[in-house]
Amino acid sequence: NIQKMLIDCPPNGIVTPSRFYIREAELLECHLDSKQRKNKNKIYLFLFNDMLLIAQRKTGKKYMFKATINFEIDKTRIKDVPDMGVIQNAFSIISNQRTITVSCLNMETKF
């Protein structure tokens, strides 16, 4: 149960009758600071049919809850990010809640 692995999970939890788990992966969240240097932080993503849960691995199978992105058909999109120097195999998830850009370890993980 993913909810039991989360530290600081929202009070209403992540379980709903229509939600189902698809996959999970450790990726690198990419940021560009004001000097255009590329910063990357390891994050752990749990993909569900209607939501993406963003967490950070703490120890073993424990994860610190960071955020969720709810998928709305007309308000969420995925955008490929061309390879550029140290950022490879990246894509952005753009929603009205937030935008996150992640880099995968390899092309297979990206798809």
C-alpha atoms as a PDB file:
ATOM      1  CA  ASN A   1       0.000   0.000   0.000  1.00  0.00           C
ATOM      2  CA  ILE A   2       1.640   3.205  -1.232  1.00  0.00           C
ATOM      3  CA  GLN A   3      -0.189   5.432   1.246  1.00  0.00           C
ATOM      4  CA  LYS A   4       1.455   3.598   4.164  1.00  0.00           C
ATOM      5  CA  MET A   5       4.909   4.275   2.665  1.00  0.00           C
ATOM      6  CA  LEU A   6       4.317   8.053   2.615  1.00  0.00           C
ATOM      7  CA  ILE A   7       5.441  10.453   5.326  1.00  0.00           C
ATOM      8  CA  ASP A   8       3.221  13.557   5.641  1.00  0.00           C
ATOM      9  CA  CYS A   9       0.542  12.153   3.356  1.00  0.00           C
ATOM     10  CA  PRO A  10      -2.438  14.521   2.993  1.00  0.00           C
ATOM     11  CA  PRO A  11      -5.173  13.960   5.604  1.00  0.00           C
ATOM     12  CA  ASN A  12      -7.680  12.857   2.961  1.00  0.00           C
ATOM     13  CA  GLY A  13      -5.126  10.319   1.656  1.00  0.00           C
ATOM     14  CA  ILE A  14      -4.649   9.173  -1.901  1.00  0.00           C
ATOM     15  CA  VAL A  15      -7.116   6.293  -2.055  1.00  0.00           C
ATOM     16  CA  THR A  16     -10.288   6.716  -4.110  1.00  0.00           C
ATOM     17  CA  PRO A  17     -12.582   4.024  -5.561  1.00  0.00           C
ATOM     18  CA  SER A  18     -11.750   4.887  -9.182  1.00  0.00           C
ATOM     19  CA  ARG A  19      -7.968   5.391  -8.771  1.00  0.00           C
ATOM     20  CA  PHE A  20      -5.562   2.650  -9.776  1.00  0.00           C
ATOM     21  CA  TYR A  21      -1.779   2.367  -9.719  1.00  0.00           C
ATOM     22  CA  ILE A  22       0.129   2.211 -13.029  1.00  0.00           C
ATOM     23  CA  ARG A  23       3.852   2.449 -12.255  1.00  0.00           C
ATOM     24  CA  GLU A  24       6.559   4.210 -10.267  1.00  0.00           C
ATOM     25  CA  ALA A  25      10.051   5.459 -11.018  1.00  0.00           C
ATOM     26  CA  GLU A  26      12.925   7.418  -9.564  1.00  0.00           C
ATOM     27  CA  LEU A  27      13.700  10.388 -11.814  1.00  0.00           C
ATOM     28  CA  LEU A  28      15.616  13.635 -11.668  1.00  0.00           C
ATOM     29  CA  GLU A  29      13.635  16.852 -11.299  1.00  0.00           C
ATOM     30  CA  CYS A  30      15.322  19.516 -13.434  1.00  0.00           C
ATOM     31  CA  HIS A  31      15.510  23.215 -12.537  1.00  0.00           C
ATOM     32  CA  LEU A  32      17.141  26.144 -14.239  1.00  0.00           C
ATOM     33  CA  ASP A  33      18.305  28.853 -11.866  1.00  0.00           C
ATOM     34  CA  SER A  34      18.707  32.510 -12.797  1.00  0.00           C
ATOM     35  CA  LYS A  35      22.254  31.879 -14.043  1.00  0.00           C
ATOM     36  CA  GLN A  36      20.995  29.105 -16.346  1.00  0.00           C
ATOM     37  CA  ARG A  37      22.926  26.377 -14.525  1.00  0.00           C
ATOM     38  CA  LYS A  38      21.111  23.082 -14.528  1.00  0.00           C
ATOM     39  CA  ASN A  39      20.207  21.672 -11.098  1.00  0.00           C
ATOM     40  CA  LYS A  40      18.768  18.183 -10.635  1.00  0.00           C
ATOM     41  CA  ASN A  41      17.117  16.650  -7.556  1.00  0.00           C
ATOM     42  CA  LYS A  42      16.155  12.983  -7.221  1.00  0.00           C
ATOM     43  CA  ILE A  43      12.416  12.504  -6.862  1.00  0.00           C
ATOM     44  CA  TYR A  44      10.167   9.480  -6.845  1.00  0.00           C
ATOM     45  CA  LEU A  45       6.984   9.495  -8.926  1.00  0.00           C
ATOM     46  CA  PHE A  46       3.956   7.264  -8.454  1.00  0.00           C
ATOM     47  CA  LEU A  47       1.743   7.279 -11.546  1.00  0.00           C
ATOM     48  CA  PHE A  48      -1.970   6.596 -11.185  1.00  0.00           C
ATOM     49  CA  ASN A  49      -4.705   6.731 -13.818  1.00  0.00           C
ATOM     50  CA  ASP A  50      -5.843  10.184 -12.666  1.00  0.00           C
ATOM     51  CA  MET A  51      -2.916  11.592 -10.685  1.00  0.00           C
ATOM     52  CA  LEU A  52       0.850  11.829 -10.375  1.00  0.00           C
ATOM     53  CA  LEU A  53       2.209  11.700  -6.830  1.00  0.00           C
ATOM     54  CA  ILE A  54       5.605  13.320  -6.251  1.00  0.00           C
ATOM     55  CA  ALA A  55       7.743  12.169  -3.325  1.00  0.00           C
ATOM     56  CA  GLN A  56      11.335  12.026  -2.154  1.00  0.00           C
ATOM     57  CA  ARG A  57      12.894   8.763  -0.959  1.00  0.00           C
ATOM     58  CA  LYS A  58      13.897   8.879   2.701  1.00  0.00           C
ATOM     59  CA  THR A  59      14.937   5.390   3.823  1.00  0.00           C
ATOM     60  CA  GLY A  60      14.217   1.989   2.327  1.00  0.00           C
ATOM     61  CA  LYS A  61      10.558   2.049   1.328  1.00  0.00           C
ATOM     62  CA  LYS A  62       9.648   5.342   3.052  1.00  0.00           C
ATOM     63  CA  TYR A  63       8.956   8.449   0.997  1.00  0.00           C
ATOM     64  CA  MET A  64       8.348  12.076   1.960  1.00  0.00           C
ATOM     65  CA  PHE A  65       5.183  13.317   0.266  1.00  0.00           C
ATOM     66  CA  LYS A  66       5.844  16.463  -1.816  1.00  0.00           C
ATOM     67  CA  ALA A  67       2.863  17.115  -4.096  1.00  0.00           C
ATOM     68  CA  THR A  68       0.299  15.717  -6.481  1.00  0.00           C
ATOM     69  CA  ILE A  69      -0.707  16.647  -9.988  1.00  0.00           C
ATOM     70  CA  ASN A  70      -4.285  15.725 -10.821  1.00  0.00           C
ATOM     71  CA  PHE A  71      -4.770  14.874 -14.477  1.00  0.00           C
ATOM     72  CA  GLU A  72      -7.494  16.883 -16.133  1.00  0.00           C
ATOM     73  CA  ILE A  73      -8.023  16.119 -19.815  1.00  0.00           C
ATOM     74  CA  ASP A  74      -8.196  19.704 -21.006  1.00  0.00           C
ATOM     75  CA  LYS A  75      -5.718  21.145 -18.460  1.00  0.00           C
ATOM     76  CA  THR A  76      -2.806  18.682 -18.329  1.00  0.00           C
ATOM     77  CA  ARG A  77      -0.286  17.932 -21.037  1.00  0.00           C
ATOM     78  CA  ILE A  78       3.074  16.241 -21.501  1.00  0.00           C
ATOM     79  CA  LYS A  79       5.786  18.007 -23.482  1.00  0.00           C
ATOM     80  CA  ASP A  80       8.990  16.390 -24.732  1.00  0.00           C
ATOM     81  CA  VAL A  81      12.163  18.278 -23.800  1.00  0.00           C
ATOM     82  CA  PRO A  82      14.996  18.003 -26.346  1.00  0.00           C
ATOM     83  CA  ASP A  83      18.301  16.658 -25.033  1.00  0.00           C
ATOM     84  CA  MET A  84      20.558  19.548 -24.014  1.00  0.00           C
ATOM     85  CA  GLY A  85      23.928  18.935 -22.442  1.00  0.00           C
ATOM     86  CA  VAL A  86      23.493  17.376 -19.000  1.00  0.00           C
ATOM     87  CA  ILE A  87      19.700  17.066 -19.315  1.00  0.00           C
ATOM     88  CA  GLN A  88      18.857  13.943 -21.297  1.00  0.00           C
ATOM     89  CA  ASN A  89      15.636  11.948 -21.821  1.00  0.00           C
ATOM     90  CA  ALA A  90      13.503  14.694 -20.277  1.00  0.00           C
ATOM     91  CA  PHE A  91       9.867  15.727 -20.450  1.00  0.00           C
ATOM     92  CA  SER A  92       7.622  18.271 -18.752  1.00  0.00           C
ATOM     93  CA  ILE A  93       4.243  17.707 -17.157  1.00  0.00           C
ATOM     94  CA  ILE A  94       2.247  20.906 -17.442  1.00  0.00           C
ATOM     95  CA  SER A  95      -0.976  21.458 -15.528  1.00  0.00           C
ATOM     96  CA  ASN A  96      -2.906  24.311 -14.000  1.00  0.00           C
ATOM     97  CA  GLN A  97      -1.583  23.167 -10.575  1.00  0.00           C
ATOM     98  CA  ARG A  98       2.136  23.111 -11.391  1.00  0.00           C
ATOM     99  CA  THR A  99       4.736  22.315 -14.022  1.00  0.00           C
ATOM    100  CA  ILE A 100       7.491  19.802 -13.424  1.00  0.00           C
ATOM    101  CA  THR A 101      10.363  18.813 -15.715  1.00  0.00           C
ATOM    102  CA  VAL A 102      11.999  15.450 -15.142  1.00  0.00           C
ATOM    103  CA  SER A 103      14.946  13.613 -16.654  1.00  0.00           C
ATOM    104  CA  CYS A 104      14.892   9.840 -16.981  1.00  0.00           C
ATOM    105  CA  LEU A 105      17.891   7.556 -16.597  1.00  0.00           C
ATOM    106  CA  ASN A 106      17.451   6.266 -20.147  1.00  0.00           C
ATOM    107  CA  MET A 107      15.086   6.365 -23.127  1.00  0.00           C
ATOM    108  CA  GLU A 108      13.283   3.164 -22.027  1.00  0.00           C
ATOM    109  CA  THR A 109      12.350   4.740 -18.672  1.00  0.00           C
ATOM    110  CA  LYS A 110      11.019   7.804 -20.481  1.00  0.00           C
ATOM    111  CA  PHE A 111       8.355   5.763 -22.236  1.00  0.00           C
END
